[in-house]
Amino acid sequence: MFQNDLYGLLKRRRTNFQKIDPSINMLGERTPYFIERRKLLADTRGMADQGTRHYLKAFCENPGKLWAFVDGNPYLDRSDIRLEYLCEIFEKYGDDADVSLLIGEDMG
């Protein structure tokens, strides 16, 4: 049920996922949806910008927690994280840094 509630919430925000398979019952109804990353970021831009900036800035202010998480996760590698770049963006643009710069996406 939660999955479909999340789908409904995002759809009301005009984030339209594509249903890719029929629903199944696995600890409740589950429906697989798909959306391209670029489209998701563009569709949720205003809704997610403030939270994204908050958490990315927190990584710059306390990188130890980020690195502890990365080092403890077998699917992540420090070389995949551009923390220095993020911190440089905050230094240059302050708290209102454009999220597209922070996540390295051309949202234009």
N, C-alpha and C. Protein backbone atom coordinates (compact mmCIF):
# COMPACT_ATOMS: atom_id res chain seq x y z
N MET A 1 0.82 -1.20 0.00
CA MET A 1 0.00 0.00 0.00
C MET A 1 0.87 1.26 0.00
N PHE A 2 1.96 1.25 0.80
CA PHE A 2 2.83 2.43 0.87
C PHE A 2 3.37 2.81 -0.50
N GLN A 3 3.76 1.79 -1.26
CA GLN A 3 4.33 2.07 -2.58
C GLN A 3 3.35 2.85 -3.43
N ASN A 4 2.09 2.42 -3.43
CA ASN A 4 1.10 3.13 -4.24
C ASN A 4 0.78 4.50 -3.65
N ASP A 5 0.89 4.65 -2.32
CA ASP A 5 0.70 5.98 -1.72
C ASP A 5 1.80 6.92 -2.18
N LEU A 6 3.03 6.45 -2.21
CA LEU A 6 4.15 7.26 -2.69
C LEU A 6 3.94 7.63 -4.16
N TYR A 7 3.51 6.67 -4.94
CA TYR A 7 3.21 6.94 -6.35
C TYR A 7 2.16 8.05 -6.46
N GLY A 8 1.11 7.95 -5.66
CA GLY A 8 0.05 8.96 -5.71
C GLY A 8 0.55 10.34 -5.31
N LEU A 9 1.37 10.40 -4.27
CA LEU A 9 1.93 11.67 -3.83
C LEU A 9 2.77 12.30 -4.93
N LEU A 10 3.65 11.52 -5.53
CA LEU A 10 4.50 12.06 -6.59
C LEU A 10 3.69 12.41 -7.83
N LYS A 11 2.66 11.63 -8.12
CA LYS A 11 1.82 11.95 -9.28
C LYS A 11 1.10 13.28 -9.08
N ARG A 12 0.63 13.55 -7.86
CA ARG A 12 -0.02 14.84 -7.58
C ARG A 12 0.95 16.00 -7.79
N ARG A 13 2.23 15.73 -7.64
CA ARG A 13 3.27 16.73 -7.89
C ARG A 13 3.69 16.74 -9.36
N ARG A 14 2.93 16.06 -10.18
CA ARG A 14 3.17 15.96 -11.62
C ARG A 14 4.47 15.22 -11.96
N THR A 15 4.80 14.25 -11.12
CA THR A 15 5.92 13.36 -11.39
C THR A 15 5.31 12.06 -11.88
N ASN A 16 5.39 11.84 -13.16
CA ASN A 16 4.68 10.70 -13.74
C ASN A 16 5.61 9.54 -14.04
N PHE A 17 5.46 8.50 -13.22
CA PHE A 17 6.20 7.27 -13.41
C PHE A 17 5.46 6.40 -14.42
N GLN A 18 6.19 5.51 -15.04
CA GLN A 18 5.60 4.57 -15.99
C GLN A 18 5.48 3.22 -15.30
N LYS A 19 4.28 2.66 -15.29
CA LYS A 19 4.07 1.33 -14.71
C LYS A 19 4.71 0.32 -15.66
N ILE A 20 5.60 -0.54 -15.13
CA ILE A 20 6.34 -1.44 -16.02
C ILE A 20 5.94 -2.90 -15.87
N ASP A 21 5.18 -3.25 -14.85
CA ASP A 21 4.69 -4.61 -14.67
C ASP A 21 3.41 -4.56 -13.86
N PRO A 22 2.63 -5.63 -13.89
CA PRO A 22 1.41 -5.65 -13.07
C PRO A 22 1.75 -5.71 -11.58
N SER A 23 0.78 -5.34 -10.77
CA SER A 23 0.95 -5.40 -9.32
C SER A 23 1.00 -6.84 -8.85
N ILE A 24 1.73 -7.06 -7.76
CA ILE A 24 1.77 -8.37 -7.13
C ILE A 24 1.49 -8.19 -5.65
N ASN A 25 1.12 -9.26 -4.98
CA ASN A 25 0.88 -9.19 -3.55
C ASN A 25 2.08 -9.81 -2.84
N MET A 26 2.89 -8.97 -2.24
CA MET A 26 4.05 -9.41 -1.47
C MET A 26 4.13 -8.52 -0.24
N LEU A 27 3.58 -9.02 0.86
CA LEU A 27 3.45 -8.20 2.07
C LEU A 27 2.67 -6.93 1.76
N GLY A 28 1.63 -7.07 1.00
CA GLY A 28 0.83 -5.95 0.53
C GLY A 28 1.03 -5.79 -0.96
N GLU A 29 0.23 -4.93 -1.56
CA GLU A 29 0.31 -4.74 -3.00
C GLU A 29 1.57 -3.97 -3.37
N ARG A 30 2.30 -4.48 -4.36
CA ARG A 30 3.52 -3.85 -4.86
C ARG A 30 3.41 -3.69 -6.37
N THR A 31 3.69 -2.49 -6.84
CA THR A 31 3.62 -2.20 -8.26
C THR A 31 4.94 -1.59 -8.71
N PRO A 32 5.61 -2.17 -9.68
CA PRO A 32 6.87 -1.59 -10.15
C PRO A 32 6.63 -0.45 -11.14
N TYR A 33 7.30 0.66 -10.87
CA TYR A 33 7.24 1.83 -11.73
C TYR A 33 8.64 2.21 -12.15
N PHE A 34 8.74 3.01 -13.19
CA PHE A 34 10.03 3.45 -13.71
C PHE A 34 9.93 4.92 -14.07
N ILE A 35 11.05 5.63 -13.88
CA ILE A 35 11.17 7.00 -14.37
C ILE A 35 12.66 7.25 -14.62
N GLU A 36 12.98 7.98 -15.66
CA GLU A 36 14.37 8.32 -15.93
C GLU A 36 14.85 9.29 -14.85
N ARG A 37 16.08 9.11 -14.43
CA ARG A 37 16.65 9.93 -13.37
C ARG A 37 16.53 11.42 -13.68
N ARG A 38 16.88 11.81 -14.87
CA ARG A 38 16.84 13.23 -15.26
C ARG A 38 15.41 13.79 -15.16
N LYS A 39 14.44 13.00 -15.58
CA LYS A 39 13.04 13.45 -15.51
C LYS A 39 12.59 13.56 -14.05
N LEU A 40 12.96 12.59 -13.22
CA LEU A 40 12.61 12.64 -11.81
C LEU A 40 13.18 13.90 -11.16
N LEU A 41 14.44 14.18 -11.42
CA LEU A 41 15.07 15.37 -10.84
C LEU A 41 14.39 16.65 -11.32
N ALA A 42 14.07 16.70 -12.59
CA ALA A 42 13.40 17.88 -13.13
C ALA A 42 11.99 18.03 -12.55
N ASP A 43 11.25 16.92 -12.44
CA ASP A 43 9.87 16.97 -11.95
C ASP A 43 9.78 17.31 -10.47
N THR A 44 10.77 16.96 -9.68
CA THR A 44 10.72 17.20 -8.24
C THR A 44 11.59 18.38 -7.82
N ARG A 45 12.04 19.13 -8.77
CA ARG A 45 13.02 20.18 -8.51
C ARG A 45 12.63 21.12 -7.37
N GLY A 46 11.54 21.78 -7.44
CA GLY A 46 11.16 22.72 -6.39
C GLY A 46 10.90 22.05 -5.06
N MET A 47 10.30 20.87 -5.09
CA MET A 47 9.92 20.14 -3.89
C MET A 47 11.14 19.65 -3.12
N ALA A 48 12.18 19.24 -3.81
CA ALA A 48 13.30 18.58 -3.16
C ALA A 48 14.54 19.46 -2.98
N ASP A 49 14.59 20.62 -3.60
CA ASP A 49 15.81 21.43 -3.57
C ASP A 49 16.28 21.76 -2.16
N GLN A 50 15.39 22.23 -1.31
CA GLN A 50 15.79 22.67 0.03
C GLN A 50 16.36 21.50 0.83
N GLY A 51 15.71 20.37 0.79
CA GLY A 51 16.22 19.20 1.52
C GLY A 51 17.54 18.70 0.97
N THR A 52 17.66 18.70 -0.35
CA THR A 52 18.90 18.25 -0.98
C THR A 52 20.06 19.14 -0.55
N ARG A 53 19.85 20.46 -0.61
CA ARG A 53 20.90 21.40 -0.20
C ARG A 53 21.28 21.19 1.27
N HIS A 54 20.27 21.00 2.12
CA HIS A 54 20.51 20.83 3.56
C HIS A 54 21.43 19.64 3.82
N TYR A 55 21.09 18.49 3.24
CA TYR A 55 21.87 17.28 3.50
C TYR A 55 23.25 17.32 2.86
N LEU A 56 23.36 17.86 1.66
CA LEU A 56 24.67 17.95 1.04
C LEU A 56 25.59 18.91 1.79
N LYS A 57 25.02 20.00 2.28
CA LYS A 57 25.83 20.93 3.07
C LYS A 57 26.27 20.28 4.38
N ALA A 58 25.41 19.48 4.98
CA ALA A 58 25.77 18.77 6.22
C ALA A 58 26.96 17.85 5.99
N PHE A 59 27.05 17.25 4.80
CA PHE A 59 28.21 16.40 4.48
C PHE A 59 29.49 17.22 4.48
N CYS A 60 29.41 18.45 3.95
CA CYS A 60 30.60 19.30 3.93
C CYS A 60 31.00 19.71 5.34
N GLU A 61 30.02 19.94 6.19
CA GLU A 61 30.31 20.39 7.55
C GLU A 61 30.80 19.26 8.44
N ASN A 62 30.39 18.02 8.15
CA ASN A 62 30.81 16.87 8.96
C ASN A 62 31.06 15.68 8.04
N PRO A 63 32.16 15.70 7.31
CA PRO A 63 32.42 14.63 6.34
C PRO A 63 32.66 13.27 6.97
N GLY A 64 33.04 13.22 8.24
CA GLY A 64 33.31 11.94 8.89
C GLY A 64 32.12 11.00 8.85
N LYS A 65 30.92 11.53 9.06
CA LYS A 65 29.71 10.68 9.02
C LYS A 65 29.48 10.13 7.61
N LEU A 66 29.70 10.97 6.61
CA LEU A 66 29.53 10.51 5.23
C LEU A 66 30.52 9.40 4.92
N TRP A 67 31.79 9.62 5.26
CA TRP A 67 32.80 8.62 4.93
C TRP A 67 32.57 7.32 5.71
N ALA A 68 32.10 7.41 6.93
CA ALA A 68 31.80 6.20 7.70
C ALA A 68 30.69 5.41 7.01
N PHE A 69 29.68 6.11 6.50
CA PHE A 69 28.59 5.44 5.79
C PHE A 69 29.11 4.80 4.50
N VAL A 70 29.89 5.55 3.73
CA VAL A 70 30.42 5.05 2.46
C VAL A 70 31.31 3.84 2.71
N ASP A 71 32.22 3.94 3.68
CA ASP A 71 33.15 2.85 3.96
C ASP A 71 32.44 1.60 4.46
N GLY A 72 31.30 1.77 5.09
CA GLY A 72 30.55 0.63 5.61
C GLY A 72 29.58 0.02 4.61
N ASN A 73 29.52 0.57 3.41
CA ASN A 73 28.58 0.08 2.41
C ASN A 73 29.35 -0.55 1.26
N PRO A 74 29.17 -1.85 1.02
CA PRO A 74 29.95 -2.52 -0.03
C PRO A 74 29.62 -2.04 -1.45
N TYR A 75 28.54 -1.30 -1.62
CA TYR A 75 28.14 -0.85 -2.95
C TYR A 75 28.64 0.55 -3.27
N LEU A 76 29.27 1.20 -2.29
CA LEU A 76 29.76 2.56 -2.50
C LEU A 76 31.28 2.59 -2.44
N ASP A 77 31.85 3.56 -3.12
CA ASP A 77 33.29 3.73 -3.12
C ASP A 77 33.58 5.22 -2.97
N ARG A 78 34.58 5.56 -2.18
CA ARG A 78 34.91 6.97 -1.98
C ARG A 78 35.17 7.71 -3.29
N SER A 79 35.70 7.01 -4.27
CA SER A 79 36.00 7.66 -5.55
C SER A 79 34.74 8.09 -6.29
N ASP A 80 33.59 7.55 -5.91
CA ASP A 80 32.32 7.93 -6.54
C ASP A 80 31.73 9.21 -5.94
N ILE A 81 32.25 9.64 -4.81
CA ILE A 81 31.70 10.78 -4.08
C ILE A 81 32.57 12.00 -4.36
N ARG A 82 31.94 13.06 -4.82
CA ARG A 82 32.67 14.30 -5.16
C ARG A 82 32.47 15.34 -4.06
N LEU A 83 32.87 15.00 -2.85
CA LEU A 83 32.63 15.88 -1.71
C LEU A 83 33.35 17.22 -1.86
N GLU A 84 34.58 17.22 -2.31
CA GLU A 84 35.30 18.48 -2.49
C GLU A 84 34.56 19.40 -3.45
N TYR A 85 34.04 18.83 -4.53
CA TYR A 85 33.28 19.61 -5.50
C TYR A 85 32.04 20.22 -4.84
N LEU A 86 31.31 19.42 -4.06
CA LEU A 86 30.11 19.92 -3.38
C LEU A 86 30.46 21.10 -2.47
N CYS A 87 31.51 20.93 -1.70
CA CYS A 87 31.90 21.98 -0.76
C CYS A 87 32.34 23.25 -1.47
N GLU A 88 33.01 23.09 -2.61
CA GLU A 88 33.41 24.26 -3.41
C GLU A 88 32.18 25.02 -3.92
N ILE A 89 31.16 24.29 -4.33
CA ILE A 89 29.92 24.94 -4.81
C ILE A 89 29.29 25.74 -3.67
N PHE A 90 29.22 25.15 -2.47
CA PHE A 90 28.65 25.90 -1.33
C PHE A 90 29.50 27.12 -0.99
N GLU A 91 30.82 27.01 -1.07
CA GLU A 91 31.68 28.16 -0.80
C GLU A 91 31.45 29.26 -1.81
N LYS A 92 31.28 28.88 -3.07
CA LYS A 92 31.12 29.87 -4.14
C LYS A 92 29.73 30.51 -4.14
N TYR A 93 28.67 29.71 -3.94
CA TYR A 93 27.30 30.21 -4.09
C TYR A 93 26.52 30.32 -2.78
N GLY A 94 27.06 29.81 -1.69
CA GLY A 94 26.37 29.89 -0.41
C GLY A 94 25.22 28.91 -0.31
N ASP A 95 24.33 29.18 0.64
CA ASP A 95 23.22 28.27 0.94
C ASP A 95 22.21 28.16 -0.20
N ASP A 96 22.23 29.09 -1.13
CA ASP A 96 21.28 29.05 -2.24
C ASP A 96 21.88 28.43 -3.50
N ALA A 97 22.92 27.64 -3.33
CA ALA A 97 23.55 26.98 -4.49
C ALA A 97 22.52 26.20 -5.27
N ASP A 98 22.57 26.30 -6.57
CA ASP A 98 21.62 25.60 -7.42
C ASP A 98 21.83 24.09 -7.32
N VAL A 99 20.77 23.37 -7.09
CA VAL A 99 20.85 21.92 -6.91
C VAL A 99 21.42 21.24 -8.15
N SER A 100 21.13 21.76 -9.33
CA SER A 100 21.67 21.14 -10.55
C SER A 100 23.20 21.17 -10.55
N LEU A 101 23.80 22.21 -9.98
CA LEU A 101 25.25 22.26 -9.86
C LEU A 101 25.74 21.22 -8.84
N LEU A 102 25.01 21.12 -7.72
CA LEU A 102 25.42 20.22 -6.66
C LEU A 102 25.37 18.75 -7.07
N ILE A 103 24.38 18.39 -7.83
CA ILE A 103 24.25 16.98 -8.21
C ILE A 103 24.87 16.70 -9.58
N GLY A 104 25.39 17.75 -10.21
CA GLY A 104 26.10 17.56 -11.47
C GLY A 104 25.17 17.25 -12.62
N GLU A 105 23.97 17.76 -12.59
CA GLU A 105 23.00 17.53 -13.66
C GLU A 105 22.69 18.84 -14.35
N ASP A 106 22.59 18.80 -15.66
CA ASP A 106 22.13 19.94 -16.43
C ASP A 106 20.61 19.88 -16.44
N MET A 107 19.97 20.70 -15.61
CA MET A 107 18.52 20.65 -15.48
C MET A 107 17.82 21.56 -16.49
N GLY A 108 18.60 22.31 -17.25
CA GLY A 108 18.06 23.29 -18.16
C GLY A 108 17.25 22.74 -19.21
